[in-house]
Amino acid sequence: MFGEESADSIAFGLPGVRLSPGDHICAFYRGAEGRDEVLLAYLRAGIEAGDRCVAVLDQVEPEQLRASLSQDRIDPVRGVDVLRSDETYLRDGRFSKTAMIEFWDSATRENLSSGDYTFARSCGEMTWALREVPGVEDLVDYESDLNRFLPMHPQVIMCLYDLDRFDGRVVVDLLRTHPKLLLCGSLLDNPYYLEPDEFLAAKSKAPVI
């Protein structure tokens, strides 16, 4: 059976970095090179562990990612789904936080139900949120709601944010909605994280600008 990692220790793919089931990670990087370093390491480790992997891309074509994985003689066909943001986050030309969490839930249930896999490893490249599309204003609420979803399955989810693209205001909100931060090759417990109910309460008290 695939996915035979320790129940409390999962290889991320970067030196010295370990994950735990239920982790919701905000991975900060700069530019395409920084993204690829994190993304490829994460997926390679998942493939090697026999995890079921789902990668949603925005700034790189799925074929490019598959080619990069194949360079390491890794067969990316089995155990990896590579999708575009337009097929997932922006399906029907808009973003719906409810629909996106339903997508993750359905994909994870389907991927684990066969019994071939015991763990799901997902990631999303978040630059789609810089577009002017309906619903994108719910991005941070979506990130907070993911923390209710993560414990429902044996899984981890990593959200990829390019610090060259997202401004400081958004980064502050991301710090409040991700329990774990990947920064400069280190995975950190986030002291600024708020549980979903705390986040909603804090948001309701924030002044309208």
Protein backbone atom coordinates (compact mmCIF):
# COMPACT_ATOMS: atom_id res chain seq x y z
CA MET A 1 0.00 0.00 0.00
CA PHE A 2 1.21 3.50 -0.82
CA GLY A 3 1.72 6.33 1.69
CA GLU A 4 3.55 4.48 4.45
CA GLU A 5 4.98 7.54 6.24
CA SER A 6 5.19 7.92 9.99
CA ALA A 7 1.93 9.11 11.54
CA ASP A 8 3.62 12.17 13.01
CA SER A 9 6.63 12.80 10.78
CA ILE A 10 6.45 13.42 7.03
CA ALA A 11 9.31 14.40 4.75
CA PHE A 12 8.73 17.77 3.09
CA GLY A 13 11.58 17.29 0.63
CA LEU A 14 13.84 20.11 1.82
CA PRO A 15 16.80 19.30 4.09
CA GLY A 16 15.74 19.00 7.71
CA VAL A 17 12.10 19.97 7.07
CA ARG A 18 9.40 17.64 8.40
CA LEU A 19 5.62 17.86 8.18
CA SER A 20 2.75 16.63 10.33
CA PRO A 21 -0.69 15.43 9.20
CA GLY A 22 -3.09 18.37 9.09
CA ASP A 23 -0.44 20.98 8.34
CA HIS A 24 -1.62 24.05 6.42
CA ILE A 25 1.52 25.73 5.14
CA CYS A 26 2.07 29.19 3.70
CA ALA A 27 5.20 28.91 1.57
CA PHE A 28 6.77 32.29 0.85
CA TYR A 29 9.27 32.51 -2.01
CA ARG A 30 10.56 34.98 -4.59
CA GLY A 31 10.17 34.41 -8.33
CA ALA A 32 9.90 31.30 -10.48
CA GLU A 33 13.18 29.84 -9.27
CA GLY A 34 12.13 30.08 -5.64
CA ARG A 35 8.74 28.55 -6.44
CA ASP A 36 10.25 25.62 -8.30
CA GLU A 37 12.71 24.86 -5.51
CA VAL A 38 9.87 24.51 -3.00
CA LEU A 39 7.27 22.94 -5.29
CA LEU A 40 9.50 20.27 -6.83
CA ALA A 41 10.98 19.25 -3.48
CA TYR A 42 7.50 18.91 -1.98
CA LEU A 43 6.14 16.80 -4.85
CA ARG A 44 9.25 14.64 -5.23
CA ALA A 45 9.06 13.71 -1.55
CA GLY A 46 5.37 12.92 -1.91
CA ILE A 47 5.91 10.72 -4.94
CA GLU A 48 8.74 8.86 -3.24
CA ALA A 49 6.58 8.31 -0.14
CA GLY A 50 3.64 7.06 -2.21
CA ASP A 51 1.36 9.96 -1.31
CA ARG A 52 -1.47 11.01 -3.59
CA CYS A 53 -0.40 14.44 -4.85
CA VAL A 54 -2.46 17.27 -6.34
CA ALA A 55 -0.77 20.42 -7.66
CA VAL A 56 -2.76 23.41 -8.90
CA LEU A 57 -0.60 25.77 -11.00
CA ASP A 58 -1.07 29.32 -12.20
CA GLN A 59 2.23 30.67 -13.58
CA VAL A 60 3.66 27.45 -14.96
CA GLU A 61 2.11 24.96 -17.38
CA PRO A 62 1.37 21.43 -16.13
CA GLU A 63 3.54 19.99 -18.90
CA GLN A 64 6.53 21.94 -17.59
CA LEU A 65 6.06 20.54 -14.10
CA ARG A 66 5.72 16.99 -15.38
CA ALA A 67 8.87 17.43 -17.46
CA SER A 68 10.80 18.69 -14.43
CA LEU A 69 9.71 15.68 -12.38
CA SER A 70 10.59 13.32 -15.21
CA GLN A 71 14.14 14.66 -15.31
CA ASP A 72 14.70 12.89 -12.00
CA ARG A 73 13.46 9.62 -13.49
CA ILE A 74 10.31 10.00 -11.43
CA ASP A 75 7.17 8.80 -13.15
CA PRO A 76 4.77 11.68 -12.48
CA VAL A 77 1.77 9.98 -14.05
CA ARG A 78 0.96 7.66 -11.18
CA GLY A 79 -0.09 9.41 -8.01
CA VAL A 80 0.06 13.03 -9.24
CA ASP A 81 -2.71 15.25 -10.60
CA VAL A 82 -1.52 18.54 -12.12
CA LEU A 83 -4.26 21.11 -12.76
CA ARG A 84 -4.54 24.78 -13.70
CA SER A 85 -6.02 27.53 -11.54
CA ASP A 86 -8.68 28.19 -14.21
CA GLU A 87 -9.94 24.63 -13.72
CA THR A 88 -10.14 24.90 -9.96
CA TYR A 89 -9.84 28.21 -8.11
CA LEU A 90 -11.38 30.21 -10.98
CA ARG A 91 -13.78 27.66 -12.35
CA ASP A 92 -16.71 29.43 -14.07
CA GLY A 93 -14.64 32.63 -14.17
CA ARG A 94 -14.97 33.45 -10.48
CA PHE A 95 -13.64 32.35 -7.10
CA SER A 96 -15.91 30.65 -4.59
CA LYS A 97 -14.35 29.67 -1.28
CA THR A 98 -17.11 27.13 -0.67
CA ALA A 99 -16.71 25.53 -4.10
CA MET A 100 -12.93 25.37 -3.73
CA ILE A 101 -13.04 23.64 -0.37
CA GLU A 102 -15.62 21.24 -1.82
CA PHE A 103 -13.15 20.58 -4.64
CA TRP A 104 -10.36 19.70 -2.20
CA ASP A 105 -12.72 17.54 -0.16
CA SER A 106 -14.04 15.65 -3.18
CA ALA A 107 -10.58 15.17 -4.69
CA THR A 108 -9.11 13.94 -1.41
CA ARG A 109 -11.97 11.54 -0.70
CA GLU A 110 -11.75 10.11 -4.21
CA ASN A 111 -7.98 9.82 -4.12
CA LEU A 112 -7.95 7.97 -0.80
CA SER A 113 -11.07 5.84 -1.24
CA SER A 114 -9.45 3.23 -3.50
CA GLY A 115 -7.17 2.07 -0.71
CA ASP A 116 -4.09 2.54 -2.88
CA TYR A 117 -3.12 5.68 -0.98
CA THR A 118 -3.28 6.56 2.69
CA PHE A 119 -2.11 10.18 2.57
CA ALA A 120 -2.88 13.23 0.41
CA ARG A 121 -0.38 15.99 -0.35
CA SER A 122 -1.83 19.05 -2.10
CA CYS A 123 -0.57 22.48 -3.12
CA GLY A 124 -1.78 25.57 -4.90
CA GLU A 125 0.08 28.40 -6.62
CA MET A 126 -1.85 31.47 -5.47
CA THR A 127 -0.96 34.16 -8.02
CA TRP A 128 -4.43 33.72 -9.56
CA ALA A 129 -5.67 35.85 -6.63
CA LEU A 130 -4.00 38.92 -8.17
CA ARG A 131 -6.54 38.96 -10.99
CA GLU A 132 -9.62 41.15 -10.87
CA VAL A 133 -12.26 38.44 -10.79
CA PRO A 134 -15.47 38.08 -8.78
CA GLY A 135 -15.00 36.47 -5.37
CA VAL A 136 -11.26 37.09 -5.07
CA GLU A 137 -11.95 39.30 -2.06
CA ASP A 138 -12.76 36.10 -0.14
CA LEU A 139 -9.21 34.75 -0.46
CA VAL A 140 -8.25 35.24 3.19
CA ASP A 141 -11.56 33.87 4.47
CA TYR A 142 -10.91 30.80 2.32
CA GLU A 143 -7.45 30.37 3.83
CA SER A 144 -8.94 30.54 7.31
CA ASP A 145 -11.70 28.05 6.46
CA LEU A 146 -9.12 25.56 5.17
CA ASN A 147 -8.04 25.10 8.78
CA ARG A 148 -11.43 23.56 9.55
CA PHE A 149 -11.08 21.24 6.56
CA LEU A 150 -7.52 19.96 7.08
CA PRO A 151 -8.30 17.67 10.06
CA MET A 152 -11.00 15.86 8.07
CA HIS A 153 -8.49 13.74 6.11
CA PRO A 154 -4.90 12.46 6.43
CA GLN A 155 -3.38 15.28 4.41
CA VAL A 156 -1.29 18.42 4.17
CA ILE A 157 -1.90 21.48 2.00
CA MET A 158 0.71 24.02 0.94
CA CYS A 159 -0.20 27.47 -0.45
CA LEU A 160 2.48 29.10 -2.60
CA TYR A 161 2.82 32.90 -2.34
CA ASP A 162 5.37 34.93 -4.28
CA LEU A 163 6.62 37.80 -2.10
CA ASP A 164 7.57 39.69 -5.26
CA ARG A 165 3.88 39.77 -6.24
CA PHE A 166 1.84 40.09 -3.04
CA ASP A 167 1.91 43.28 -1.01
CA GLY A 168 2.42 43.62 2.73
CA ARG A 169 -1.28 44.02 3.54
CA VAL A 170 -2.06 40.61 2.06
CA VAL A 171 0.95 39.04 3.77
CA VAL A 172 -0.32 40.23 7.16
CA ASP A 173 -3.64 38.45 6.53
CA LEU A 174 -1.82 35.33 5.39
CA LEU A 175 0.11 35.28 8.64
CA ARG A 176 -3.17 35.22 10.53
CA THR A 177 -4.59 32.28 8.56
CA HIS A 178 -1.72 29.78 8.22
CA PRO A 179 -0.50 27.78 11.24
CA LYS A 180 2.82 26.97 9.53
CA LEU A 181 5.19 29.16 7.48
CA LEU A 182 7.86 27.99 5.07
CA LEU A 183 10.46 30.71 4.80
CA CYS A 184 14.05 30.48 3.56
CA GLY A 185 13.97 26.69 3.67
CA SER A 186 12.69 26.46 7.26
CA LEU A 187 9.23 25.41 8.43
CA LEU A 188 8.12 27.58 11.33
CA ASP A 189 5.22 27.52 13.77
CA ASN A 190 3.45 30.81 13.11
CA PRO A 191 3.02 32.90 16.27
CA TYR A 192 0.58 35.25 14.47
CA TYR A 193 -1.86 32.51 13.46
CA LEU A 194 -5.48 32.82 14.60
CA GLU A 195 -7.91 29.92 14.77
CA PRO A 196 -10.86 30.40 12.37
CA ASP A 197 -13.27 31.66 15.05
CA GLU A 198 -10.61 34.03 16.40
CA PHE A 199 -9.89 35.28 12.90
CA LEU A 200 -13.56 35.98 12.20
CA ALA A 201 -13.92 37.82 15.51
CA ALA A 202 -10.83 39.92 14.84
CA LYS A 203 -11.97 40.66 11.31
CA SER A 204 -15.41 41.81 12.49
CA LYS A 205 -13.77 44.31 14.84
CA ALA A 206 -11.35 45.67 12.27
CA PRO A 207 -12.09 49.23 11.10
CA VAL A 208 -13.46 49.57 7.58
CA ILE A 209 -11.00 51.43 5.35
